[in-house]
Amino acid sequence: MTPTVQSLQRRLIALGFPLPEFGADGDPGGETIAAVNAALDEIEKLRGWPSPPQASSAAIVPADWMPDAKMGRIVCHWTAGAHKASEFDRGHYHILIEDEGKLVRGIPSIALNEAPAKRGYAAHTLGANSGSIGVSLCCMGGSNEAPFDPGKYPMTREQWDALTSVVADLCRRYSIPVTDKTVLSHAEVQNNLGIQQRGKWDFTRLAFDPSVKGAKACGDKLRAEAKAKL
């Protein structure tokens, strides 16, 4: 027997961590190890130590949708159409998200937008396609910015939740940091990147949460939620 192990076992039993199979027998087996770990967990809680890091959210973007490429930015859009992806939509974005959160793969490969952009690339953002991944929500057809009217196909919370998960997957895959210049909506491009656009307002409003107003507020919400899933 090893007196040190047996003493530890007796102390664990006294503290209320039973070792039912062997008792205090001096054998440092699985039950003793489990009891030690449980005791350490209790000590951490009492001392207010931080919990171990939580595992990142499960990936939702299929691996074969994310080919090897050097990408530096993700620009998020809406299609200004219906809740389902059309062939036209699929030709302009890499990943589309329908109203119930279903992902649809765009026709162009992400690799085609690696700088310099190749023939057939996804033309999703004027003057900012090279090195940029385009993700779009299928929604907001017939909408109006002011006064705000989301139209017949409003953005859904399911779409938004899927979007933040997609952004997290893409950032992880392509080592893209989450900043207001690397993860942004189309409405932020002109201000954040200094690249003039043509009155794009996706997103300055969120139909499922009217309290969020303005491109920066929507962008900050996007980045915070995506970052939390990394």
C-alpha atoms as a PDB file:
ATOM      1  CA  MET A   1       0.000   0.000   0.000  1.00  0.00           C
ATOM      2  CA  THR A   2       0.999   3.600  -0.512  1.00  0.00           C
ATOM      3  CA  PRO A   3       0.279   5.568   2.655  1.00  0.00           C
ATOM      4  CA  THR A   4       0.034   8.887   0.806  1.00  0.00           C
ATOM      5  CA  VAL A   5      -2.674   7.577  -1.554  1.00  0.00           C
ATOM      6  CA  GLN A   6      -4.550   5.885   1.280  1.00  0.00           C
ATOM      7  CA  SER A   7      -4.475   9.098   3.321  1.00  0.00           C
ATOM      8  CA  LEU A   8      -5.853  11.014   0.357  1.00  0.00           C
ATOM      9  CA  GLN A   9      -8.620   8.445  -0.072  1.00  0.00           C
ATOM     10  CA  ARG A  10      -9.587   8.706   3.581  1.00  0.00           C
ATOM     11  CA  ARG A  11      -9.648  12.478   3.358  1.00  0.00           C
ATOM     12  CA  LEU A  12     -11.879  12.334   0.254  1.00  0.00           C
ATOM     13  CA  ILE A  13     -14.298  10.003   2.017  1.00  0.00           C
ATOM     14  CA  ALA A  14     -14.370  12.355   5.016  1.00  0.00           C
ATOM     15  CA  LEU A  15     -15.220  15.240   2.678  1.00  0.00           C
ATOM     16  CA  GLY A  16     -18.164  13.316   1.271  1.00  0.00           C
ATOM     17  CA  PHE A  17     -16.650  11.888  -1.909  1.00  0.00           C
ATOM     18  CA  PRO A  18     -17.360   8.150  -1.531  1.00  0.00           C
ATOM     19  CA  LEU A  19     -15.139   5.439  -2.980  1.00  0.00           C
ATOM     20  CA  PRO A  20     -17.757   2.665  -2.927  1.00  0.00           C
ATOM     21  CA  GLU A  21     -15.869  -0.077  -4.747  1.00  0.00           C
ATOM     22  CA  PHE A  22     -12.560  -0.129  -2.931  1.00  0.00           C
ATOM     23  CA  GLY A  23     -12.930   2.163   0.067  1.00  0.00           C
ATOM     24  CA  ALA A  24      -9.652   3.543   1.396  1.00  0.00           C
ATOM     25  CA  ASP A  25      -7.478   0.738  -0.009  1.00  0.00           C
ATOM     26  CA  GLY A  26      -4.466   2.711  -1.227  1.00  0.00           C
ATOM     27  CA  ASP A  27      -5.125   1.903  -4.892  1.00  0.00           C
ATOM     28  CA  PRO A  28      -5.056   5.113  -6.999  1.00  0.00           C
ATOM     29  CA  GLY A  29      -7.695   3.789  -9.417  1.00  0.00           C
ATOM     30  CA  GLY A  30     -10.392   5.452 -11.510  1.00  0.00           C
ATOM     31  CA  GLU A  31     -12.700   6.146  -8.574  1.00  0.00           C
ATOM     32  CA  THR A  32      -9.981   7.980  -6.665  1.00  0.00           C
ATOM     33  CA  ILE A  33      -9.063  10.053  -9.726  1.00  0.00           C
ATOM     34  CA  ALA A  34     -12.728  10.923 -10.349  1.00  0.00           C
ATOM     35  CA  ALA A  35     -13.144  11.947  -6.708  1.00  0.00           C
ATOM     36  CA  VAL A  36     -10.033  14.153  -6.861  1.00  0.00           C
ATOM     37  CA  ASN A  37     -11.351  15.868 -10.007  1.00  0.00           C
ATOM     38  CA  ALA A  38     -14.730  16.435  -8.373  1.00  0.00           C
ATOM     39  CA  ALA A  39     -13.034  17.915  -5.316  1.00  0.00           C
ATOM     40  CA  LEU A  40     -10.964  20.252  -7.482  1.00  0.00           C
ATOM     41  CA  ASP A  41     -14.104  21.399  -9.277  1.00  0.00           C
ATOM     42  CA  GLU A  42     -15.685  22.257  -5.950  1.00  0.00           C
ATOM     43  CA  ILE A  43     -12.573  24.183  -4.873  1.00  0.00           C
ATOM     44  CA  GLU A  44     -12.638  26.184  -8.129  1.00  0.00           C
ATOM     45  CA  LYS A  45     -16.272  27.137  -7.558  1.00  0.00           C
ATOM     46  CA  LEU A  46     -15.561  28.229  -3.981  1.00  0.00           C
ATOM     47  CA  ARG A  47     -12.589  30.334  -5.047  1.00  0.00           C
ATOM     48  CA  GLY A  48     -14.487  31.896  -7.922  1.00  0.00           C
ATOM     49  CA  TRP A  49     -12.013  30.672 -10.522  1.00  0.00           C
ATOM     50  CA  PRO A  50     -13.222  30.914 -14.138  1.00  0.00           C
ATOM     51  CA  SER A  51     -14.776  27.848 -15.673  1.00  0.00           C
ATOM     52  CA  PRO A  52     -12.843  26.011 -18.390  1.00  0.00           C
ATOM     53  CA  PRO A  53     -13.327  27.485 -21.879  1.00  0.00           C
ATOM     54  CA  GLN A  54     -16.464  26.244 -23.586  1.00  0.00           C
ATOM     55  CA  ALA A  55     -16.186  24.348 -26.840  1.00  0.00           C
ATOM     56  CA  SER A  56     -16.906  26.394 -29.953  1.00  0.00           C
ATOM     57  CA  SER A  57     -20.264  26.037 -31.668  1.00  0.00           C
ATOM     58  CA  ALA A  58     -20.705  23.113 -34.014  1.00  0.00           C
ATOM     59  CA  ALA A  59     -19.804  23.914 -37.609  1.00  0.00           C
ATOM     60  CA  ILE A  60     -22.749  24.280 -39.990  1.00  0.00           C
ATOM     61  CA  VAL A  61     -20.912  25.072 -43.240  1.00  0.00           C
ATOM     62  CA  PRO A  62     -19.896  21.872 -45.065  1.00  0.00           C
ATOM     63  CA  ALA A  63     -16.125  21.546 -45.345  1.00  0.00           C
ATOM     64  CA  ASP A  64     -16.193  21.199 -49.136  1.00  0.00           C
ATOM     65  CA  TRP A  65     -17.857  24.622 -49.393  1.00  0.00           C
ATOM     66  CA  MET A  66     -14.698  26.151 -47.900  1.00  0.00           C
ATOM     67  CA  PRO A  67     -11.815  25.300 -50.262  1.00  0.00           C
ATOM     68  CA  ASP A  68      -8.226  26.303 -49.642  1.00  0.00           C
ATOM     69  CA  ALA A  69      -7.845  30.011 -50.354  1.00  0.00           C
ATOM     70  CA  LYS A  70      -6.443  33.139 -48.776  1.00  0.00           C
ATOM     71  CA  MET A  71      -9.466  35.209 -47.801  1.00  0.00           C
ATOM     72  CA  GLY A  72      -9.406  38.355 -45.709  1.00  0.00           C
ATOM     73  CA  ARG A  73     -12.981  39.557 -45.373  1.00  0.00           C
ATOM     74  CA  ILE A  74     -16.632  38.515 -45.090  1.00  0.00           C
ATOM     75  CA  VAL A  75     -19.329  40.840 -46.406  1.00  0.00           C
ATOM     76  CA  CYS A  76     -22.907  40.064 -45.368  1.00  0.00           C
ATOM     77  CA  HIS A  77     -25.928  40.992 -47.483  1.00  0.00           C
ATOM     78  CA  TRP A  78     -29.576  40.360 -48.153  1.00  0.00           C
ATOM     79  CA  THR A  79     -30.781  39.463 -51.633  1.00  0.00           C
ATOM     80  CA  ALA A  80     -33.668  41.986 -51.686  1.00  0.00           C
ATOM     81  CA  GLY A  81     -35.762  39.097 -52.973  1.00  0.00           C
ATOM     82  CA  ALA A  82     -37.873  36.224 -51.705  1.00  0.00           C
ATOM     83  CA  HIS A  83     -37.196  33.807 -48.861  1.00  0.00           C
ATOM     84  CA  LYS A  84     -35.803  31.124 -51.174  1.00  0.00           C
ATOM     85  CA  ALA A  85     -32.577  31.330 -53.163  1.00  0.00           C
ATOM     86  CA  SER A  86     -32.989  31.867 -56.903  1.00  0.00           C
ATOM     87  CA  GLU A  87     -30.440  30.905 -59.558  1.00  0.00           C
ATOM     88  CA  PHE A  88     -29.683  34.606 -59.941  1.00  0.00           C
ATOM     89  CA  ASP A  89     -28.968  34.848 -56.188  1.00  0.00           C
ATOM     90  CA  ARG A  90     -26.748  31.775 -56.297  1.00  0.00           C
ATOM     91  CA  GLY A  91     -24.667  33.362 -59.042  1.00  0.00           C
ATOM     92  CA  HIS A  92     -23.725  36.378 -56.896  1.00  0.00           C
ATOM     93  CA  TYR A  93     -22.953  34.943 -53.455  1.00  0.00           C
ATOM     94  CA  HIS A  94     -20.916  32.085 -51.991  1.00  0.00           C
ATOM     95  CA  ILE A  95     -23.436  31.081 -49.315  1.00  0.00           C
ATOM     96  CA  LEU A  96     -27.121  31.951 -49.055  1.00  0.00           C
ATOM     97  CA  ILE A  97     -29.437  31.479 -46.083  1.00  0.00           C
ATOM     98  CA  GLU A  98     -33.159  30.912 -46.554  1.00  0.00           C
ATOM     99  CA  ASP A  99     -35.907  31.974 -44.160  1.00  0.00           C
ATOM    100  CA  GLU A 100     -35.818  28.877 -41.945  1.00  0.00           C
ATOM    101  CA  GLY A 101     -32.023  28.987 -41.686  1.00  0.00           C
ATOM    102  CA  LYS A 102     -31.290  26.498 -44.457  1.00  0.00           C
ATOM    103  CA  LEU A 103     -27.941  27.027 -46.193  1.00  0.00           C
ATOM    104  CA  VAL A 104     -27.717  27.072 -49.990  1.00  0.00           C
ATOM    105  CA  ARG A 105     -24.384  26.935 -51.771  1.00  0.00           C
ATOM    106  CA  GLY A 106     -23.702  29.669 -54.290  1.00  0.00           C
ATOM    107  CA  ILE A 107     -22.460  28.806 -57.768  1.00  0.00           C
ATOM    108  CA  PRO A 108     -19.029  30.522 -57.588  1.00  0.00           C
ATOM    109  CA  SER A 109     -16.390  28.888 -55.418  1.00  0.00           C
ATOM    110  CA  ILE A 110     -14.925  30.957 -52.605  1.00  0.00           C
ATOM    111  CA  ALA A 111     -11.518  30.282 -54.175  1.00  0.00           C
ATOM    112  CA  LEU A 112     -12.481  32.347 -57.235  1.00  0.00           C
ATOM    113  CA  ASN A 113     -12.626  35.469 -55.057  1.00  0.00           C
ATOM    114  CA  GLU A 114      -9.105  34.978 -53.735  1.00  0.00           C
ATOM    115  CA  ALA A 115      -7.145  38.106 -54.686  1.00  0.00           C
ATOM    116  CA  PRO A 116      -6.884  38.815 -57.522  1.00  0.00           C
ATOM    117  CA  ALA A 117     -10.431  37.625 -58.284  1.00  0.00           C
ATOM    118  CA  LYS A 118     -10.703  35.019 -61.027  1.00  0.00           C
ATOM    119  CA  ARG A 119     -13.160  34.731 -63.884  1.00  0.00           C
ATOM    120  CA  GLY A 120     -16.565  33.626 -62.605  1.00  0.00           C
ATOM    121  CA  TYR A 121     -16.060  35.099 -59.112  1.00  0.00           C
ATOM    122  CA  ALA A 122     -19.023  36.088 -56.940  1.00  0.00           C
ATOM    123  CA  ALA A 123     -19.707  39.761 -57.701  1.00  0.00           C
ATOM    124  CA  HIS A 124     -21.372  40.666 -54.417  1.00  0.00           C
ATOM    125  CA  THR A 125     -19.793  43.988 -53.372  1.00  0.00           C
ATOM    126  CA  LEU A 126     -18.837  46.802 -55.740  1.00  0.00           C
ATOM    127  CA  GLY A 127     -15.059  47.307 -55.725  1.00  0.00           C
ATOM    128  CA  ALA A 128     -14.499  44.919 -52.815  1.00  0.00           C
ATOM    129  CA  ASN A 129     -14.787  41.397 -54.220  1.00  0.00           C
ATOM    130  CA  SER A 130     -11.121  40.377 -54.202  1.00  0.00           C
ATOM    131  CA  GLY A 131     -10.378  38.497 -51.005  1.00  0.00           C
ATOM    132  CA  SER A 132     -14.003  38.796 -49.864  1.00  0.00           C
ATOM    133  CA  ILE A 133     -16.501  36.060 -49.098  1.00  0.00           C
ATOM    134  CA  GLY A 134     -20.109  36.997 -49.844  1.00  0.00           C
ATOM    135  CA  VAL A 135     -22.875  35.637 -47.590  1.00  0.00           C
ATOM    136  CA  SER A 136     -26.473  36.665 -48.192  1.00  0.00           C
ATOM    137  CA  LEU A 137     -29.819  36.235 -46.468  1.00  0.00           C
ATOM    138  CA  CYS A 138     -32.725  35.472 -48.807  1.00  0.00           C
ATOM    139  CA  CYS A 139     -35.151  38.199 -47.800  1.00  0.00           C
ATOM    140  CA  MET A 140     -36.342  41.813 -47.874  1.00  0.00           C
ATOM    141  CA  GLY A 141     -37.910  41.888 -51.338  1.00  0.00           C
ATOM    142  CA  GLY A 142     -40.083  45.016 -51.638  1.00  0.00           C
ATOM    143  CA  SER A 143     -38.700  46.532 -48.447  1.00  0.00           C
ATOM    144  CA  ASN A 144     -38.192  50.214 -47.741  1.00  0.00           C
ATOM    145  CA  GLU A 145     -35.636  51.870 -45.463  1.00  0.00           C
ATOM    146  CA  ALA A 146     -37.498  55.031 -44.415  1.00  0.00           C
ATOM    147  CA  PRO A 147     -40.147  54.731 -43.269  1.00  0.00           C
ATOM    148  CA  PHE A 148     -39.014  51.217 -42.481  1.00  0.00           C
ATOM    149  CA  ASP A 149     -41.070  48.489 -44.133  1.00  0.00           C
ATOM    150  CA  PRO A 150     -39.609  44.947 -44.319  1.00  0.00           C
ATOM    151  CA  GLY A 151     -41.922  44.003 -47.180  1.00  0.00           C
ATOM    152  CA  LYS A 152     -43.390  40.560 -47.834  1.00  0.00           C
ATOM    153  CA  TYR A 153     -40.160  38.708 -47.094  1.00  0.00           C
ATOM    154  CA  PRO A 154     -38.759  40.073 -43.819  1.00  0.00           C
ATOM    155  CA  MET A 155     -35.446  38.889 -42.414  1.00  0.00           C
ATOM    156  CA  THR A 156     -36.086  36.163 -39.819  1.00  0.00           C
ATOM    157  CA  ARG A 157     -34.311  35.466 -36.574  1.00  0.00           C
ATOM    158  CA  GLU A 158     -33.571  31.956 -37.871  1.00  0.00           C
ATOM    159  CA  GLN A 159     -31.676  33.503 -40.770  1.00  0.00           C
ATOM    160  CA  TRP A 160     -29.762  35.810 -38.475  1.00  0.00           C
ATOM    161  CA  ASP A 161     -28.783  33.016 -36.089  1.00  0.00           C
ATOM    162  CA  ALA A 162     -27.598  30.912 -39.023  1.00  0.00           C
ATOM    163  CA  LEU A 163     -25.676  33.898 -40.389  1.00  0.00           C
ATOM    164  CA  THR A 164     -23.678  34.406 -37.202  1.00  0.00           C
ATOM    165  CA  SER A 165     -22.835  30.684 -37.165  1.00  0.00           C
ATOM    166  CA  VAL A 166     -21.757  30.787 -40.825  1.00  0.00           C
ATOM    167  CA  VAL A 167     -19.569  33.821 -40.168  1.00  0.00           C
ATOM    168  CA  ALA A 168     -17.960  32.051 -37.201  1.00  0.00           C
ATOM    169  CA  ASP A 169     -17.232  28.978 -39.367  1.00  0.00           C
ATOM    170  CA  LEU A 170     -15.696  31.099 -42.125  1.00  0.00           C
ATOM    171  CA  CYS A 171     -13.584  33.120 -39.702  1.00  0.00           C
ATOM    172  CA  ARG A 172     -12.300  29.915 -38.152  1.00  0.00           C
ATOM    173  CA  ARG A 173     -11.570  28.264 -41.495  1.00  0.00           C
ATOM    174  CA  TYR A 174      -9.812  31.237 -43.077  1.00  0.00           C
ATOM    175  CA  SER A 175      -8.263  32.746 -39.917  1.00  0.00           C
ATOM    176  CA  ILE A 176     -10.199  35.976 -40.376  1.00  0.00           C
ATOM    177  CA  PRO A 177     -10.209  38.205 -37.273  1.00  0.00           C
ATOM    178  CA  VAL A 178     -13.530  39.705 -36.268  1.00  0.00           C
ATOM    179  CA  THR A 179     -13.188  43.458 -36.808  1.00  0.00           C
ATOM    180  CA  ASP A 180     -15.375  46.105 -38.419  1.00  0.00           C
ATOM    181  CA  LYS A 181     -13.181  45.943 -41.529  1.00  0.00           C
ATOM    182  CA  THR A 182     -13.072  42.171 -41.902  1.00  0.00           C
ATOM    183  CA  VAL A 183     -16.607  41.155 -40.856  1.00  0.00           C
ATOM    184  CA  LEU A 184     -19.192  43.685 -41.951  1.00  0.00           C
ATOM    185  CA  SER A 185     -22.469  44.209 -43.735  1.00  0.00           C
ATOM    186  CA  HIS A 186     -22.815  45.742 -47.179  1.00  0.00           C
ATOM    187  CA  ALA A 187     -24.216  48.879 -45.531  1.00  0.00           C
ATOM    188  CA  GLU A 188     -20.912  49.366 -43.672  1.00  0.00           C
ATOM    189  CA  VAL A 189     -18.589  48.970 -46.662  1.00  0.00           C
ATOM    190  CA  GLN A 190     -18.553  52.598 -47.759  1.00  0.00           C
ATOM    191  CA  ASN A 191     -17.902  53.974 -44.279  1.00  0.00           C
ATOM    192  CA  ASN A 192     -15.582  51.253 -42.956  1.00  0.00           C
ATOM    193  CA  LEU A 193     -13.553  50.520 -46.086  1.00  0.00           C
ATOM    194  CA  GLY A 194     -13.843  53.825 -47.930  1.00  0.00           C
ATOM    195  CA  ILE A 195     -15.208  52.113 -51.052  1.00  0.00           C
ATOM    196  CA  GLN A 196     -18.200  53.945 -52.481  1.00  0.00           C
ATOM    197  CA  GLN A 197     -21.359  51.894 -52.903  1.00  0.00           C
ATOM    198  CA  ARG A 198     -24.735  52.617 -54.464  1.00  0.00           C
ATOM    199  CA  GLY A 199     -27.108  53.299 -51.602  1.00  0.00           C
ATOM    200  CA  LYS A 200     -27.009  49.780 -50.158  1.00  0.00           C
ATOM    201  CA  TRP A 201     -28.763  49.506 -46.786  1.00  0.00           C
ATOM    202  CA  ASP A 202     -28.305  45.830 -46.020  1.00  0.00           C
ATOM    203  CA  PHE A 203     -28.276  45.923 -43.045  1.00  0.00           C
ATOM    204  CA  THR A 204     -29.405  49.102 -41.373  1.00  0.00           C
ATOM    205  CA  ARG A 205     -32.513  47.499 -39.852  1.00  0.00           C
ATOM    206  CA  LEU A 206     -33.362  44.039 -38.517  1.00  0.00           C
ATOM    207  CA  ALA A 207     -36.992  43.100 -39.122  1.00  0.00           C
ATOM    208  CA  PHE A 208     -37.067  40.681 -36.170  1.00  0.00           C
ATOM    209  CA  ASP A 209     -35.606  43.279 -33.777  1.00  0.00           C
ATOM    210  CA  PRO A 210     -36.781  46.848 -34.546  1.00  0.00           C
ATOM    211  CA  SER A 211     -34.764  48.226 -31.623  1.00  0.00           C
ATOM    212  CA  VAL A 212     -31.509  47.777 -33.590  1.00  0.00           C
ATOM    213  CA  LYS A 213     -31.132  50.750 -35.910  1.00  0.00           C
ATOM    214  CA  GLY A 214     -28.281  51.828 -38.165  1.00  0.00           C
ATOM    215  CA  ALA A 215     -25.497  50.086 -40.057  1.00  0.00           C
ATOM    216  CA  LYS A 216     -23.040  50.222 -37.156  1.00  0.00           C
ATOM    217  CA  ALA A 217     -25.533  48.897 -34.607  1.00  0.00           C
ATOM    218  CA  CYS A 218     -26.453  45.984 -36.889  1.00  0.00           C
ATOM    219  CA  GLY A 219     -22.797  45.338 -37.668  1.00  0.00           C
ATOM    220  CA  ASP A 220     -21.783  45.420 -34.023  1.00  0.00           C
ATOM    221  CA  LYS A 221     -24.520  42.899 -33.209  1.00  0.00           C
ATOM    222  CA  LEU A 222     -23.346  40.649 -36.049  1.00  0.00           C
ATOM    223  CA  ARG A 223     -19.724  40.730 -34.907  1.00  0.00           C
ATOM    224  CA  ALA A 224     -20.502  40.224 -31.235  1.00  0.00           C
ATOM    225  CA  GLU A 225     -22.691  37.186 -31.868  1.00  0.00           C
ATOM    226  CA  ALA A 226     -20.284  35.643 -34.390  1.00  0.00           C
ATOM    227  CA  LYS A 227     -17.338  36.191 -32.059  1.00  0.00           C
ATOM    228  CA  ALA A 228     -19.220  34.500 -29.221  1.00  0.00           C
ATOM    229  CA  LYS A 229     -19.491  31.372 -31.388  1.00  0.00           C
ATOM    230  CA  LEU A 230     -15.773  31.120 -32.104  1.00  0.00           C
END
